[in-house]
Amino acid sequence: MLFIKSNKHNYHIHLIIDKKTILFAHDVFNIDETMMIEYSKMIFQETLNPYILTFGQIITLLDVYDLHCKVYNEFSKKIIKIELKEENRSQNNVIFLPKKRTV
């Protein structure tokens, strides 16, 4: 993940996956969901990499598969939490996206 183009500071981004959640925790700077959507659009426009999704596209994709994403602060960490459902989990550390939500 790229949040800041600076090599002056050491920032930490942790990825924690368990049976019920995928959790990203970072100490880069205070950011909410709206800011993440806007900043990721700017990063996408700078890189012009068609393989990078913006945060808004990721949230839309999660919604299509009826997964919920929550952005919040806890202690000095900023958290992005994706809650998995029973049908998304397997014994082999694979996350399944078996069916799309119908509208």
C-alpha atoms as a PDB file:
ATOM      1  CA  MET A   1       0.000   0.000   0.000  1.00  0.00           C
ATOM      2  CA  LEU A   2       1.228   3.449  -0.818  1.00  0.00           C
ATOM      3  CA  PHE A   3       0.007   6.327   1.337  1.00  0.00           C
ATOM      4  CA  ILE A   4       2.909   8.775   1.378  1.00  0.00           C
ATOM      5  CA  LYS A   5       5.798   9.211  -1.048  1.00  0.00           C
ATOM      6  CA  SER A   6       8.412   9.810   1.624  1.00  0.00           C
ATOM      7  CA  ASN A   7      11.392   7.856   2.782  1.00  0.00           C
ATOM      8  CA  LYS A   8      12.047  10.164   5.750  1.00  0.00           C
ATOM      9  CA  HIS A   9       9.800   8.227   8.117  1.00  0.00           C
ATOM     10  CA  ASN A  10       9.220   4.579   8.839  1.00  0.00           C
ATOM     11  CA  TYR A  11       5.534   3.765   8.658  1.00  0.00           C
ATOM     12  CA  HIS A  12       3.998   0.434   9.523  1.00  0.00           C
ATOM     13  CA  ILE A  13       1.141  -1.319   7.779  1.00  0.00           C
ATOM     14  CA  HIS A  14       0.019  -4.600   9.315  1.00  0.00           C
ATOM     15  CA  LEU A  15      -2.123  -7.177   7.568  1.00  0.00           C
ATOM     16  CA  ILE A  16      -3.871  -9.548   9.966  1.00  0.00           C
ATOM     17  CA  ILE A  17      -6.070 -12.340   8.636  1.00  0.00           C
ATOM     18  CA  ASP A  18      -8.051 -14.647  10.872  1.00  0.00           C
ATOM     19  CA  LYS A  19     -11.134 -16.813  10.380  1.00  0.00           C
ATOM     20  CA  LYS A  20     -13.574 -13.914  10.666  1.00  0.00           C
ATOM     21  CA  THR A  21     -11.774 -10.820   9.398  1.00  0.00           C
ATOM     22  CA  ILE A  22      -9.134  -9.293   7.188  1.00  0.00           C
ATOM     23  CA  LEU A  23      -7.630  -6.354   9.027  1.00  0.00           C
ATOM     24  CA  PHE A  24      -5.270  -3.646   7.798  1.00  0.00           C
ATOM     25  CA  ALA A  25      -3.789  -1.479  10.553  1.00  0.00           C
ATOM     26  CA  HIS A  26      -1.503   1.448   9.832  1.00  0.00           C
ATOM     27  CA  ASP A  27       0.121   4.340  11.657  1.00  0.00           C
ATOM     28  CA  VAL A  28       0.665   6.564   8.634  1.00  0.00           C
ATOM     29  CA  PHE A  29      -1.794   9.394   9.255  1.00  0.00           C
ATOM     30  CA  ASN A  30      -5.377   9.906  10.321  1.00  0.00           C
ATOM     31  CA  ILE A  31      -7.626   9.111   7.379  1.00  0.00           C
ATOM     32  CA  ASP A  32     -11.299   8.302   7.055  1.00  0.00           C
ATOM     33  CA  GLU A  33     -13.160   6.374   4.367  1.00  0.00           C
ATOM     34  CA  THR A  34     -13.976   9.468   2.275  1.00  0.00           C
ATOM     35  CA  MET A  35     -10.348  10.610   2.299  1.00  0.00           C
ATOM     36  CA  MET A  36      -9.163   7.108   1.363  1.00  0.00           C
ATOM     37  CA  ILE A  37     -11.493   7.090  -1.643  1.00  0.00           C
ATOM     38  CA  GLU A  38     -10.285  10.507  -2.822  1.00  0.00           C
ATOM     39  CA  TYR A  39      -6.560   9.868  -2.191  1.00  0.00           C
ATOM     40  CA  SER A  40      -6.661   6.492  -3.907  1.00  0.00           C
ATOM     41  CA  LYS A  41      -8.187   8.157  -6.994  1.00  0.00           C
ATOM     42  CA  MET A  42      -5.231  10.556  -7.068  1.00  0.00           C
ATOM     43  CA  ILE A  43      -2.736   7.673  -6.721  1.00  0.00           C
ATOM     44  CA  PHE A  44      -4.516   5.821  -9.535  1.00  0.00           C
ATOM     45  CA  GLN A  45      -4.376   8.894 -11.792  1.00  0.00           C
ATOM     46  CA  GLU A  46      -0.650   9.348 -11.067  1.00  0.00           C
ATOM     47  CA  THR A  47       0.306   5.737 -11.740  1.00  0.00           C
ATOM     48  CA  LEU A  48      -2.137   4.981 -14.589  1.00  0.00           C
ATOM     49  CA  ASN A  49      -1.771   1.327 -13.660  1.00  0.00           C
ATOM     50  CA  PRO A  50      -4.878  -0.579 -14.854  1.00  0.00           C
ATOM     51  CA  TYR A  51      -4.216  -3.343 -12.295  1.00  0.00           C
ATOM     52  CA  ILE A  52      -4.629  -1.058  -9.282  1.00  0.00           C
ATOM     53  CA  LEU A  53      -8.093  -0.629  -7.791  1.00  0.00           C
ATOM     54  CA  THR A  54      -9.093   2.565  -6.045  1.00  0.00           C
ATOM     55  CA  PHE A  55     -10.449   2.249  -2.507  1.00  0.00           C
ATOM     56  CA  GLY A  56     -13.921   3.134  -3.817  1.00  0.00           C
ATOM     57  CA  GLN A  57     -13.727   0.274  -6.330  1.00  0.00           C
ATOM     58  CA  ILE A  58     -12.635  -2.106  -3.559  1.00  0.00           C
ATOM     59  CA  ILE A  59     -15.611  -1.092  -1.387  1.00  0.00           C
ATOM     60  CA  THR A  60     -17.960  -1.576  -4.366  1.00  0.00           C
ATOM     61  CA  LEU A  61     -16.463  -5.005  -5.072  1.00  0.00           C
ATOM     62  CA  LEU A  62     -16.849  -6.043  -1.429  1.00  0.00           C
ATOM     63  CA  ASP A  63     -20.470  -4.877  -1.499  1.00  0.00           C
ATOM     64  CA  VAL A  64     -21.134  -6.962  -4.628  1.00  0.00           C
ATOM     65  CA  TYR A  65     -20.050 -10.021  -2.630  1.00  0.00           C
ATOM     66  CA  ASP A  66     -22.034  -8.866   0.422  1.00  0.00           C
ATOM     67  CA  LEU A  67     -18.920  -8.290   2.546  1.00  0.00           C
ATOM     68  CA  HIS A  68     -18.736  -5.346   4.897  1.00  0.00           C
ATOM     69  CA  CYS A  69     -15.801  -2.976   5.293  1.00  0.00           C
ATOM     70  CA  LYS A  70     -15.362  -0.684   8.264  1.00  0.00           C
ATOM     71  CA  VAL A  71     -12.800   2.129   8.637  1.00  0.00           C
ATOM     72  CA  TYR A  72     -12.066   3.380  12.163  1.00  0.00           C
ATOM     73  CA  ASN A  73      -9.368   4.463  14.616  1.00  0.00           C
ATOM     74  CA  GLU A  74      -8.236   2.353  17.547  1.00  0.00           C
ATOM     75  CA  PHE A  75      -5.519   3.615  19.869  1.00  0.00           C
ATOM     76  CA  SER A  76      -2.928   5.184  17.541  1.00  0.00           C
ATOM     77  CA  LYS A  77      -3.765   2.850  14.631  1.00  0.00           C
ATOM     78  CA  LYS A  78      -6.089   3.421  11.714  1.00  0.00           C
ATOM     79  CA  ILE A  79      -8.012   0.240  10.949  1.00  0.00           C
ATOM     80  CA  ILE A  80      -9.647  -1.114   7.802  1.00  0.00           C
ATOM     81  CA  LYS A  81     -11.635  -4.214   8.728  1.00  0.00           C
ATOM     82  CA  ILE A  82     -13.333  -6.586   6.276  1.00  0.00           C
ATOM     83  CA  GLU A  83     -15.718  -9.021   7.931  1.00  0.00           C
ATOM     84  CA  LEU A  84     -15.866 -12.482   6.380  1.00  0.00           C
ATOM     85  CA  LYS A  85     -18.876 -14.752   6.451  1.00  0.00           C
ATOM     86  CA  GLU A  86     -18.878 -18.498   7.042  1.00  0.00           C
ATOM     87  CA  GLU A  87     -19.186 -19.275   3.310  1.00  0.00           C
ATOM     88  CA  ASN A  88     -16.062 -17.177   2.560  1.00  0.00           C
ATOM     89  CA  ARG A  89     -13.740 -19.271   4.735  1.00  0.00           C
ATOM     90  CA  SER A  90     -11.964 -22.542   4.118  1.00  0.00           C
ATOM     91  CA  GLN A  91      -9.515 -24.829   5.879  1.00  0.00           C
ATOM     92  CA  ASN A  92      -6.721 -23.958   3.416  1.00  0.00           C
ATOM     93  CA  ASN A  93      -6.380 -20.212   4.114  1.00  0.00           C
ATOM     94  CA  VAL A  94      -8.314 -19.432   0.950  1.00  0.00           C
ATOM     95  CA  ILE A  95     -11.026 -16.785   0.869  1.00  0.00           C
ATOM     96  CA  PHE A  96     -13.921 -17.745  -1.383  1.00  0.00           C
ATOM     97  CA  LEU A  97     -16.226 -15.270  -3.099  1.00  0.00           C
ATOM     98  CA  PRO A  98     -18.870 -17.844  -4.062  1.00  0.00           C
ATOM     99  CA  LYS A  99     -21.794 -15.703  -5.175  1.00  0.00           C
ATOM    100  CA  LYS A 100     -22.689 -12.157  -5.938  1.00  0.00           C
ATOM    101  CA  ARG A 101     -25.399 -10.340  -4.053  1.00  0.00           C
ATOM    102  CA  THR A 102     -28.477  -9.897  -6.206  1.00  0.00           C
ATOM    103  CA  VAL A 103     -29.931  -6.426  -6.467  1.00  0.00           C
END
